[in-house]
Amino acid sequence: MSTQKYPFLIPVPPQAPRVKPSGLARWIGRTILRIGGWRVVGELPNISRLVLIGAPHSSNWDGVWGFAAKAALGLDIRVLGKDSLFRVPVLGWALRGLGVIPVDRSRASRVIEQAAAAIHAGEPFWYGLAPEGTRKRVERWKTGFWKIAKAANVPIQTLYFHYPDRIIGFGPLIEPSDDPDADMAKIRAWYVPWMGKNRGTT
Protein backbone atom coordinates (compact mmCIF):
# COMPACT_ATOMS: atom_id res chain seq x y z
CA MET A 1 0.00 0.00 0.00
CA SER A 2 1.48 3.31 -1.07
CA THR A 3 1.26 6.10 1.50
CA GLN A 4 1.70 8.57 -1.37
CA LYS A 5 -1.62 7.33 -2.75
CA TYR A 6 -3.19 7.53 0.72
CA PRO A 7 -1.49 10.46 2.48
CA PHE A 8 -3.76 10.12 5.52
CA LEU A 9 -2.14 6.76 6.38
CA ILE A 10 1.34 5.69 7.50
CA PRO A 11 3.59 2.81 6.38
CA VAL A 12 3.24 -0.59 8.06
CA PRO A 13 6.65 -2.15 8.84
CA PRO A 14 7.35 -5.79 7.90
CA GLN A 15 7.27 -7.28 11.42
CA ALA A 16 3.95 -5.71 12.41
CA PRO A 17 1.14 -8.31 12.44
CA ARG A 18 -1.18 -8.12 9.45
CA VAL A 19 -4.60 -9.52 8.71
CA LYS A 20 -5.29 -11.69 5.70
CA PRO A 21 -5.29 -9.31 2.71
CA SER A 22 -8.78 -7.99 1.93
CA GLY A 23 -9.23 -5.26 -0.63
CA LEU A 24 -12.81 -4.68 0.51
CA ALA A 25 -11.89 -4.25 4.19
CA ARG A 26 -9.06 -1.87 3.29
CA TRP A 27 -11.39 0.14 1.05
CA ILE A 28 -14.05 0.38 3.74
CA GLY A 29 -11.50 1.51 6.33
CA ARG A 30 -9.97 4.11 4.02
CA THR A 31 -13.39 5.38 2.97
CA ILE A 32 -14.57 5.83 6.56
CA LEU A 33 -11.41 7.76 7.47
CA ARG A 34 -11.57 9.89 4.33
CA ILE A 35 -15.24 10.80 4.77
CA GLY A 36 -14.69 11.53 8.46
CA GLY A 37 -11.63 13.66 7.70
CA TRP A 38 -9.35 11.55 9.90
CA ARG A 39 -5.69 10.77 9.39
CA VAL A 40 -3.18 8.45 11.01
CA VAL A 41 0.17 9.94 12.06
CA GLY A 42 3.33 8.81 13.82
CA GLU A 43 5.42 5.72 13.23
CA LEU A 44 4.56 2.06 13.73
CA PRO A 45 7.25 0.01 15.49
CA ASN A 46 8.86 -2.79 13.55
CA ILE A 47 8.24 -5.44 16.20
CA SER A 48 5.92 -8.43 16.25
CA ARG A 49 4.56 -8.41 19.84
CA LEU A 50 3.39 -5.58 22.07
CA VAL A 51 0.56 -4.13 24.16
CA LEU A 52 -1.15 -1.15 22.51
CA ILE A 53 -3.11 1.38 24.58
CA GLY A 54 -5.52 3.97 23.17
CA ALA A 55 -6.72 7.13 24.94
CA PRO A 56 -8.59 9.35 25.59
CA HIS A 57 -11.52 6.96 25.32
CA SER A 58 -14.57 9.16 25.77
CA SER A 59 -17.00 8.03 23.06
CA ASN A 60 -18.23 4.98 21.16
CA TRP A 61 -17.00 6.82 18.08
CA ASP A 62 -13.45 5.94 19.14
CA GLY A 63 -14.20 2.36 18.15
CA VAL A 64 -15.48 3.42 14.73
CA TRP A 65 -12.39 5.45 13.87
CA GLY A 66 -10.04 2.96 15.54
CA PHE A 67 -11.38 -0.06 13.67
CA ALA A 68 -11.43 1.97 10.43
CA ALA A 69 -7.73 2.78 10.87
CA LYS A 70 -6.98 -0.85 11.72
CA ALA A 71 -8.77 -2.02 8.54
CA ALA A 72 -7.22 0.68 6.35
CA LEU A 73 -3.70 -0.22 7.50
CA GLY A 74 -4.35 -3.97 7.41
CA LEU A 75 -3.05 -4.33 10.98
CA ASP A 76 -3.95 -7.36 13.06
CA ILE A 77 -4.66 -5.87 16.49
CA ARG A 78 -6.46 -8.15 18.94
CA VAL A 79 -8.62 -7.23 21.90
CA LEU A 80 -10.21 -9.36 24.60
CA GLY A 81 -13.97 -9.58 25.00
CA LYS A 82 -16.30 -11.26 27.50
CA ASP A 83 -16.72 -14.91 26.58
CA SER A 84 -20.48 -14.58 27.14
CA LEU A 85 -20.72 -12.33 24.07
CA PHE A 86 -19.57 -15.19 21.86
CA ARG A 87 -22.50 -17.40 22.82
CA VAL A 88 -24.64 -15.56 20.27
CA PRO A 89 -23.48 -17.12 16.95
CA VAL A 90 -23.81 -14.08 14.68
CA LEU A 91 -22.32 -11.71 17.25
CA GLY A 92 -19.50 -14.13 17.99
CA TRP A 93 -18.67 -14.42 14.30
CA ALA A 94 -18.63 -10.63 13.90
CA LEU A 95 -16.46 -10.12 16.97
CA ARG A 96 -13.90 -12.68 15.81
CA GLY A 97 -13.81 -10.93 12.45
CA LEU A 98 -12.89 -7.70 14.23
CA GLY A 99 -10.06 -9.39 16.12
CA VAL A 100 -11.86 -9.87 19.45
CA ILE A 101 -10.79 -12.91 21.49
CA PRO A 102 -13.12 -14.51 24.07
CA VAL A 103 -11.82 -14.42 27.64
CA ASP A 104 -13.14 -15.37 31.07
CA ARG A 105 -13.20 -12.11 33.04
CA SER A 106 -14.47 -13.62 36.27
CA ARG A 107 -10.98 -13.28 37.75
CA ALA A 108 -8.74 -10.33 36.92
CA SER A 109 -5.55 -12.36 37.41
CA ARG A 110 -6.74 -14.90 34.86
CA VAL A 111 -7.31 -12.15 32.30
CA ILE A 112 -3.69 -11.02 32.68
CA GLU A 113 -2.45 -14.60 32.35
CA GLN A 114 -4.65 -15.28 29.31
CA ALA A 115 -3.60 -12.06 27.57
CA ALA A 116 0.11 -12.63 28.22
CA ALA A 117 -0.17 -16.21 26.96
CA ALA A 118 -2.08 -15.09 23.84
CA ILE A 119 0.64 -12.57 22.96
CA HIS A 120 3.21 -15.36 22.75
CA ALA A 121 0.99 -18.04 21.21
CA GLY A 122 2.30 -18.58 17.70
CA GLU A 123 1.91 -15.75 15.22
CA PRO A 124 2.83 -12.06 15.74
CA PHE A 125 0.39 -10.46 18.14
CA TRP A 126 -0.50 -6.87 19.06
CA TYR A 127 -2.92 -6.68 21.98
CA GLY A 128 -4.95 -3.48 22.26
CA LEU A 129 -7.06 -1.97 25.04
CA ALA A 130 -8.28 1.31 26.54
CA PRO A 131 -6.34 1.95 29.78
CA GLU A 132 -9.14 4.07 31.26
CA GLY A 133 -11.48 1.08 31.13
CA THR A 134 -14.53 3.32 30.60
CA ARG A 135 -15.73 6.30 28.57
CA LYS A 136 -16.15 8.34 31.76
CA ARG A 137 -13.40 10.44 33.29
CA VAL A 138 -11.39 8.49 35.88
CA GLU A 139 -8.85 9.64 38.45
CA ARG A 140 -6.73 6.51 38.11
CA TRP A 141 -6.14 4.35 35.07
CA LYS A 142 -6.44 0.61 35.36
CA THR A 143 -3.01 -1.04 35.55
CA GLY A 144 -4.02 -4.17 33.64
CA PHE A 145 -2.22 -3.12 30.46
CA TRP A 146 1.03 -2.56 32.37
CA LYS A 147 0.70 -5.93 34.13
CA ILE A 148 0.05 -7.71 30.83
CA ALA A 149 3.06 -6.07 29.16
CA LYS A 150 5.26 -6.90 32.15
CA ALA A 151 4.05 -10.51 32.30
CA ALA A 152 4.54 -10.96 28.56
CA ASN A 153 7.87 -9.08 28.59
CA VAL A 154 6.80 -6.80 25.72
CA PRO A 155 6.76 -3.00 25.29
CA ILE A 156 3.74 -0.71 25.48
CA GLN A 157 2.78 1.20 22.33
CA THR A 158 0.94 4.47 22.91
CA LEU A 159 -1.91 5.56 20.61
CA TYR A 160 -4.02 8.67 20.97
CA PHE A 161 -7.23 10.14 19.60
CA HIS A 162 -7.13 13.92 19.08
CA TYR A 163 -10.57 15.02 17.93
CA PRO A 164 -9.85 18.76 17.36
CA ASP A 165 -7.53 17.82 14.45
CA ARG A 166 -9.12 14.41 13.73
CA ILE A 167 -5.91 12.53 14.31
CA ILE A 168 -5.19 8.97 15.36
CA GLY A 169 -1.56 9.08 16.41
CA PHE A 170 1.05 6.49 17.31
CA GLY A 171 3.39 7.79 20.00
CA PRO A 172 6.45 6.46 21.81
CA LEU A 173 7.11 2.83 22.62
CA ILE A 174 7.55 2.37 26.37
CA GLU A 175 9.43 -0.47 28.06
CA PRO A 176 7.83 -1.33 31.43
CA SER A 177 10.23 -0.82 34.33
CA ASP A 178 10.08 -2.32 37.80
CA ASP A 179 8.23 0.76 39.06
CA PRO A 180 4.58 0.66 37.89
CA ASP A 181 3.70 3.94 39.59
CA ALA A 182 6.48 5.81 37.80
CA ASP A 183 5.56 4.23 34.47
CA MET A 184 1.88 5.10 34.88
CA ALA A 185 2.74 8.70 35.79
CA LYS A 186 4.99 9.03 32.73
CA ILE A 187 2.35 7.61 30.41
CA ARG A 188 -0.45 9.76 31.85
CA ALA A 189 1.74 12.87 31.47
CA TRP A 190 2.42 12.05 27.83
CA TYR A 191 -1.32 11.88 27.10
CA VAL A 192 -2.14 15.31 28.59
CA PRO A 193 -2.16 17.29 25.28
CA TRP A 194 -4.61 15.01 23.50
CA MET A 195 -8.35 15.65 23.50
CA GLY A 196 -11.01 13.01 22.93
CA LYS A 197 -14.52 13.67 21.62
CA ASN A 198 -15.89 14.55 25.07
CA ARG A 199 -12.81 15.08 27.26
CA GLY A 200 -9.08 14.71 27.70
CA THR A 201 -7.24 12.36 30.07
CA THR A 202 -6.80 14.81 32.96
C-alpha atoms as a PDB file:
ATOM      1  CA  MET A   1       0.000   0.000   0.000  1.00  0.00           C
ATOM      2  CA  SER A   2       1.481   3.313  -1.066  1.00  0.00           C
ATOM      3  CA  THR A   3       1.258   6.103   1.505  1.00  0.00           C
ATOM      4  CA  GLN A   4       1.701   8.571  -1.366  1.00  0.00           C
ATOM      5  CA  LYS A   5      -1.617   7.332  -2.753  1.00  0.00           C
ATOM      6  CA  TYR A   6      -3.191   7.531   0.722  1.00  0.00           C
ATOM      7  CA  PRO A   7      -1.491  10.457   2.479  1.00  0.00           C
ATOM      8  CA  PHE A   8      -3.763  10.117   5.524  1.00  0.00           C
ATOM      9  CA  LEU A   9      -2.144   6.759   6.384  1.00  0.00           C
ATOM     10  CA  ILE A  10       1.337   5.687   7.497  1.00  0.00           C
ATOM     11  CA  PRO A  11       3.594   2.808   6.382  1.00  0.00           C
ATOM     12  CA  VAL A  12       3.245  -0.594   8.058  1.00  0.00           C
ATOM     13  CA  PRO A  13       6.652  -2.152   8.835  1.00  0.00           C
ATOM     14  CA  PRO A  14       7.352  -5.793   7.900  1.00  0.00           C
ATOM     15  CA  GLN A  15       7.271  -7.284  11.421  1.00  0.00           C
ATOM     16  CA  ALA A  16       3.949  -5.712  12.406  1.00  0.00           C
ATOM     17  CA  PRO A  17       1.139  -8.307  12.437  1.00  0.00           C
ATOM     18  CA  ARG A  18      -1.184  -8.119   9.451  1.00  0.00           C
ATOM     19  CA  VAL A  19      -4.598  -9.515   8.705  1.00  0.00           C
ATOM     20  CA  LYS A  20      -5.286 -11.695   5.696  1.00  0.00           C
ATOM     21  CA  PRO A  21      -5.293  -9.309   2.710  1.00  0.00           C
ATOM     22  CA  SER A  22      -8.776  -7.990   1.929  1.00  0.00           C
ATOM     23  CA  GLY A  23      -9.232  -5.257  -0.629  1.00  0.00           C
ATOM     24  CA  LEU A  24     -12.814  -4.676   0.514  1.00  0.00           C
ATOM     25  CA  ALA A  25     -11.894  -4.246   4.192  1.00  0.00           C
ATOM     26  CA  ARG A  26      -9.061  -1.872   3.293  1.00  0.00           C
ATOM     27  CA  TRP A  27     -11.386   0.136   1.051  1.00  0.00           C
ATOM     28  CA  ILE A  28     -14.051   0.380   3.744  1.00  0.00           C
ATOM     29  CA  GLY A  29     -11.500   1.510   6.330  1.00  0.00           C
ATOM     30  CA  ARG A  30      -9.967   4.112   4.022  1.00  0.00           C
ATOM     31  CA  THR A  31     -13.387   5.381   2.973  1.00  0.00           C
ATOM     32  CA  ILE A  32     -14.575   5.831   6.563  1.00  0.00           C
ATOM     33  CA  LEU A  33     -11.411   7.756   7.465  1.00  0.00           C
ATOM     34  CA  ARG A  34     -11.571   9.893   4.331  1.00  0.00           C
ATOM     35  CA  ILE A  35     -15.242  10.797   4.768  1.00  0.00           C
ATOM     36  CA  GLY A  36     -14.692  11.532   8.464  1.00  0.00           C
ATOM     37  CA  GLY A  37     -11.632  13.659   7.704  1.00  0.00           C
ATOM     38  CA  TRP A  38      -9.353  11.545   9.902  1.00  0.00           C
ATOM     39  CA  ARG A  39      -5.687  10.768   9.386  1.00  0.00           C
ATOM     40  CA  VAL A  40      -3.178   8.452  11.008  1.00  0.00           C
ATOM     41  CA  VAL A  41       0.167   9.939  12.065  1.00  0.00           C
ATOM     42  CA  GLY A  42       3.332   8.812  13.818  1.00  0.00           C
ATOM     43  CA  GLU A  43       5.420   5.724  13.230  1.00  0.00           C
ATOM     44  CA  LEU A  44       4.557   2.065  13.726  1.00  0.00           C
ATOM     45  CA  PRO A  45       7.251   0.014  15.495  1.00  0.00           C
ATOM     46  CA  ASN A  46       8.862  -2.786  13.546  1.00  0.00           C
ATOM     47  CA  ILE A  47       8.242  -5.442  16.195  1.00  0.00           C
ATOM     48  CA  SER A  48       5.921  -8.431  16.254  1.00  0.00           C
ATOM     49  CA  ARG A  49       4.559  -8.411  19.839  1.00  0.00           C
ATOM     50  CA  LEU A  50       3.390  -5.576  22.074  1.00  0.00           C
ATOM     51  CA  VAL A  51       0.561  -4.126  24.157  1.00  0.00           C
ATOM     52  CA  LEU A  52      -1.152  -1.151  22.513  1.00  0.00           C
ATOM     53  CA  ILE A  53      -3.106   1.378  24.581  1.00  0.00           C
ATOM     54  CA  GLY A  54      -5.517   3.966  23.167  1.00  0.00           C
ATOM     55  CA  ALA A  55      -6.718   7.127  24.944  1.00  0.00           C
ATOM     56  CA  PRO A  56      -8.592   9.348  25.594  1.00  0.00           C
ATOM     57  CA  HIS A  57     -11.523   6.955  25.324  1.00  0.00           C
ATOM     58  CA  SER A  58     -14.571   9.164  25.768  1.00  0.00           C
ATOM     59  CA  SER A  59     -17.002   8.028  23.062  1.00  0.00           C
ATOM     60  CA  ASN A  60     -18.228   4.982  21.159  1.00  0.00           C
ATOM     61  CA  TRP A  61     -16.996   6.818  18.077  1.00  0.00           C
ATOM     62  CA  ASP A  62     -13.449   5.941  19.144  1.00  0.00           C
ATOM     63  CA  GLY A  63     -14.197   2.359  18.151  1.00  0.00           C
ATOM     64  CA  VAL A  64     -15.481   3.416  14.732  1.00  0.00           C
ATOM     65  CA  TRP A  65     -12.389   5.449  13.874  1.00  0.00           C
ATOM     66  CA  GLY A  66     -10.043   2.961  15.539  1.00  0.00           C
ATOM     67  CA  PHE A  67     -11.383  -0.062  13.669  1.00  0.00           C
ATOM     68  CA  ALA A  68     -11.428   1.972  10.431  1.00  0.00           C
ATOM     69  CA  ALA A  69      -7.732   2.775  10.873  1.00  0.00           C
ATOM     70  CA  LYS A  70      -6.983  -0.855  11.716  1.00  0.00           C
ATOM     71  CA  ALA A  71      -8.766  -2.021   8.541  1.00  0.00           C
ATOM     72  CA  ALA A  72      -7.218   0.676   6.349  1.00  0.00           C
ATOM     73  CA  LEU A  73      -3.703  -0.224   7.498  1.00  0.00           C
ATOM     74  CA  GLY A  74      -4.349  -3.971   7.408  1.00  0.00           C
ATOM     75  CA  LEU A  75      -3.055  -4.326  10.979  1.00  0.00           C
ATOM     76  CA  ASP A  76      -3.954  -7.361  13.058  1.00  0.00           C
ATOM     77  CA  ILE A  77      -4.661  -5.875  16.494  1.00  0.00           C
ATOM     78  CA  ARG A  78      -6.462  -8.147  18.941  1.00  0.00           C
ATOM     79  CA  VAL A  79      -8.619  -7.226  21.902  1.00  0.00           C
ATOM     80  CA  LEU A  80     -10.205  -9.360  24.600  1.00  0.00           C
ATOM     81  CA  GLY A  81     -13.968  -9.576  25.003  1.00  0.00           C
ATOM     82  CA  LYS A  82     -16.295 -11.259  27.501  1.00  0.00           C
ATOM     83  CA  ASP A  83     -16.724 -14.912  26.577  1.00  0.00           C
ATOM     84  CA  SER A  84     -20.481 -14.578  27.139  1.00  0.00           C
ATOM     85  CA  LEU A  85     -20.724 -12.335  24.069  1.00  0.00           C
ATOM     86  CA  PHE A  86     -19.574 -15.187  21.860  1.00  0.00           C
ATOM     87  CA  ARG A  87     -22.504 -17.402  22.819  1.00  0.00           C
ATOM     88  CA  VAL A  88     -24.635 -15.561  20.273  1.00  0.00           C
ATOM     89  CA  PRO A  89     -23.480 -17.120  16.954  1.00  0.00           C
ATOM     90  CA  VAL A  90     -23.812 -14.085  14.682  1.00  0.00           C
ATOM     91  CA  LEU A  91     -22.319 -11.713  17.254  1.00  0.00           C
ATOM     92  CA  GLY A  92     -19.497 -14.133  17.994  1.00  0.00           C
ATOM     93  CA  TRP A  93     -18.671 -14.418  14.299  1.00  0.00           C
ATOM     94  CA  ALA A  94     -18.633 -10.635  13.896  1.00  0.00           C
ATOM     95  CA  LEU A  95     -16.457 -10.120  16.972  1.00  0.00           C
ATOM     96  CA  ARG A  96     -13.899 -12.684  15.809  1.00  0.00           C
ATOM     97  CA  GLY A  97     -13.810 -10.933  12.453  1.00  0.00           C
ATOM     98  CA  LEU A  98     -12.887  -7.700  14.234  1.00  0.00           C
ATOM     99  CA  GLY A  99     -10.058  -9.389  16.123  1.00  0.00           C
ATOM    100  CA  VAL A 100     -11.861  -9.871  19.453  1.00  0.00           C
ATOM    101  CA  ILE A 101     -10.790 -12.905  21.493  1.00  0.00           C
ATOM    102  CA  PRO A 102     -13.120 -14.513  24.069  1.00  0.00           C
ATOM    103  CA  VAL A 103     -11.817 -14.419  27.637  1.00  0.00           C
ATOM    104  CA  ASP A 104     -13.143 -15.367  31.067  1.00  0.00           C
ATOM    105  CA  ARG A 105     -13.197 -12.109  33.038  1.00  0.00           C
ATOM    106  CA  SER A 106     -14.470 -13.624  36.272  1.00  0.00           C
ATOM    107  CA  ARG A 107     -10.984 -13.277  37.752  1.00  0.00           C
ATOM    108  CA  ALA A 108      -8.738 -10.333  36.916  1.00  0.00           C
ATOM    109  CA  SER A 109      -5.549 -12.364  37.412  1.00  0.00           C
ATOM    110  CA  ARG A 110      -6.737 -14.903  34.861  1.00  0.00           C
ATOM    111  CA  VAL A 111      -7.306 -12.149  32.300  1.00  0.00           C
ATOM    112  CA  ILE A 112      -3.692 -11.022  32.678  1.00  0.00           C
ATOM    113  CA  GLU A 113      -2.453 -14.604  32.348  1.00  0.00           C
ATOM    114  CA  GLN A 114      -4.648 -15.277  29.308  1.00  0.00           C
ATOM    115  CA  ALA A 115      -3.600 -12.057  27.575  1.00  0.00           C
ATOM    116  CA  ALA A 116       0.111 -12.627  28.222  1.00  0.00           C
ATOM    117  CA  ALA A 117      -0.168 -16.212  26.957  1.00  0.00           C
ATOM    118  CA  ALA A 118      -2.076 -15.088  23.841  1.00  0.00           C
ATOM    119  CA  ILE A 119       0.640 -12.572  22.961  1.00  0.00           C
ATOM    120  CA  HIS A 120       3.211 -15.362  22.746  1.00  0.00           C
ATOM    121  CA  ALA A 121       0.994 -18.041  21.206  1.00  0.00           C
ATOM    122  CA  GLY A 122       2.303 -18.581  17.703  1.00  0.00           C
ATOM    123  CA  GLU A 123       1.907 -15.754  15.222  1.00  0.00           C
ATOM    124  CA  PRO A 124       2.830 -12.062  15.735  1.00  0.00           C
ATOM    125  CA  PHE A 125       0.385 -10.459  18.143  1.00  0.00           C
ATOM    126  CA  TRP A 126      -0.496  -6.874  19.060  1.00  0.00           C
ATOM    127  CA  TYR A 127      -2.918  -6.677  21.981  1.00  0.00           C
ATOM    128  CA  GLY A 128      -4.953  -3.481  22.264  1.00  0.00           C
ATOM    129  CA  LEU A 129      -7.063  -1.972  25.038  1.00  0.00           C
ATOM    130  CA  ALA A 130      -8.277   1.312  26.538  1.00  0.00           C
ATOM    131  CA  PRO A 131      -6.339   1.948  29.784  1.00  0.00           C
ATOM    132  CA  GLU A 132      -9.141   4.068  31.257  1.00  0.00           C
ATOM    133  CA  GLY A 133     -11.479   1.084  31.131  1.00  0.00           C
ATOM    134  CA  THR A 134     -14.528   3.316  30.597  1.00  0.00           C
ATOM    135  CA  ARG A 135     -15.732   6.297  28.568  1.00  0.00           C
ATOM    136  CA  LYS A 136     -16.145   8.340  31.760  1.00  0.00           C
ATOM    137  CA  ARG A 137     -13.397  10.443  33.294  1.00  0.00           C
ATOM    138  CA  VAL A 138     -11.386   8.494  35.884  1.00  0.00           C
ATOM    139  CA  GLU A 139      -8.848   9.643  38.446  1.00  0.00           C
ATOM    140  CA  ARG A 140      -6.729   6.514  38.108  1.00  0.00           C
ATOM    141  CA  TRP A 141      -6.140   4.348  35.070  1.00  0.00           C
ATOM    142  CA  LYS A 142      -6.437   0.606  35.363  1.00  0.00           C
ATOM    143  CA  THR A 143      -3.006  -1.038  35.552  1.00  0.00           C
ATOM    144  CA  GLY A 144      -4.016  -4.166  33.636  1.00  0.00           C
ATOM    145  CA  PHE A 145      -2.217  -3.120  30.455  1.00  0.00           C
ATOM    146  CA  TRP A 146       1.031  -2.556  32.374  1.00  0.00           C
ATOM    147  CA  LYS A 147       0.705  -5.931  34.132  1.00  0.00           C
ATOM    148  CA  ILE A 148       0.053  -7.712  30.833  1.00  0.00           C
ATOM    149  CA  ALA A 149       3.063  -6.074  29.164  1.00  0.00           C
ATOM    150  CA  LYS A 150       5.258  -6.897  32.148  1.00  0.00           C
ATOM    151  CA  ALA A 151       4.050 -10.508  32.303  1.00  0.00           C
ATOM    152  CA  ALA A 152       4.541 -10.960  28.564  1.00  0.00           C
ATOM    153  CA  ASN A 153       7.872  -9.080  28.585  1.00  0.00           C
ATOM    154  CA  VAL A 154       6.797  -6.803  25.719  1.00  0.00           C
ATOM    155  CA  PRO A 155       6.756  -3.002  25.289  1.00  0.00           C
ATOM    156  CA  ILE A 156       3.739  -0.710  25.479  1.00  0.00           C
ATOM    157  CA  GLN A 157       2.784   1.203  22.330  1.00  0.00           C
ATOM    158  CA  THR A 158       0.937   4.470  22.905  1.00  0.00           C
ATOM    159  CA  LEU A 159      -1.905   5.555  20.608  1.00  0.00           C
ATOM    160  CA  TYR A 160      -4.020   8.672  20.969  1.00  0.00           C
ATOM    161  CA  PHE A 161      -7.228  10.142  19.595  1.00  0.00           C
ATOM    162  CA  HIS A 162      -7.129  13.916  19.078  1.00  0.00           C
ATOM    163  CA  TYR A 163     -10.574  15.024  17.930  1.00  0.00           C
ATOM    164  CA  PRO A 164      -9.851  18.758  17.360  1.00  0.00           C
ATOM    165  CA  ASP A 165      -7.534  17.821  14.455  1.00  0.00           C
ATOM    166  CA  ARG A 166      -9.116  14.414  13.729  1.00  0.00           C
ATOM    167  CA  ILE A 167      -5.906  12.534  14.308  1.00  0.00           C
ATOM    168  CA  ILE A 168      -5.191   8.973  15.361  1.00  0.00           C
ATOM    169  CA  GLY A 169      -1.556   9.082  16.414  1.00  0.00           C
ATOM    170  CA  PHE A 170       1.051   6.486  17.310  1.00  0.00           C
ATOM    171  CA  GLY A 171       3.386   7.791  20.000  1.00  0.00           C
ATOM    172  CA  PRO A 172       6.449   6.459  21.809  1.00  0.00           C
ATOM    173  CA  LEU A 173       7.111   2.835  22.620  1.00  0.00           C
ATOM    174  CA  ILE A 174       7.555   2.369  26.374  1.00  0.00           C
ATOM    175  CA  GLU A 175       9.427  -0.466  28.058  1.00  0.00           C
ATOM    176  CA  PRO A 176       7.833  -1.332  31.428  1.00  0.00           C
ATOM    177  CA  SER A 177      10.233  -0.816  34.330  1.00  0.00           C
ATOM    178  CA  ASP A 178      10.081  -2.325  37.804  1.00  0.00           C
ATOM    179  CA  ASP A 179       8.225   0.761  39.063  1.00  0.00           C
ATOM    180  CA  PRO A 180       4.585   0.660  37.886  1.00  0.00           C
ATOM    181  CA  ASP A 181       3.698   3.943  39.589  1.00  0.00           C
ATOM    182  CA  ALA A 182       6.480   5.809  37.798  1.00  0.00           C
ATOM    183  CA  ASP A 183       5.557   4.228  34.474  1.00  0.00           C
ATOM    184  CA  MET A 184       1.882   5.102  34.882  1.00  0.00           C
ATOM    185  CA  ALA A 185       2.738   8.702  35.794  1.00  0.00           C
ATOM    186  CA  LYS A 186       4.990   9.031  32.735  1.00  0.00           C
ATOM    187  CA  ILE A 187       2.350   7.609  30.413  1.00  0.00           C
ATOM    188  CA  ARG A 188      -0.446   9.764  31.852  1.00  0.00           C
ATOM    189  CA  ALA A 189       1.741  12.866  31.475  1.00  0.00           C
ATOM    190  CA  TRP A 190       2.418  12.051  27.827  1.00  0.00           C
ATOM    191  CA  TYR A 191      -1.323  11.879  27.101  1.00  0.00           C
ATOM    192  CA  VAL A 192      -2.139  15.312  28.593  1.00  0.00           C
ATOM    193  CA  PRO A 193      -2.157  17.288  25.277  1.00  0.00           C
ATOM    194  CA  TRP A 194      -4.610  15.007  23.496  1.00  0.00           C
ATOM    195  CA  MET A 195      -8.348  15.650  23.497  1.00  0.00           C
ATOM    196  CA  GLY A 196     -11.015  13.010  22.929  1.00  0.00           C
ATOM    197  CA  LYS A 197     -14.516  13.666  21.623  1.00  0.00           C
ATOM    198  CA  ASN A 198     -15.893  14.554  25.068  1.00  0.00           C
ATOM    199  CA  ARG A 199     -12.812  15.076  27.264  1.00  0.00           C
ATOM    200  CA  GLY A 200      -9.080  14.714  27.700  1.00  0.00           C
ATOM    201  CA  THR A 201      -7.236  12.364  30.066  1.00  0.00           C
ATOM    202  CA  THR A 202      -6.804  14.812  32.958  1.00  0.00           C
END
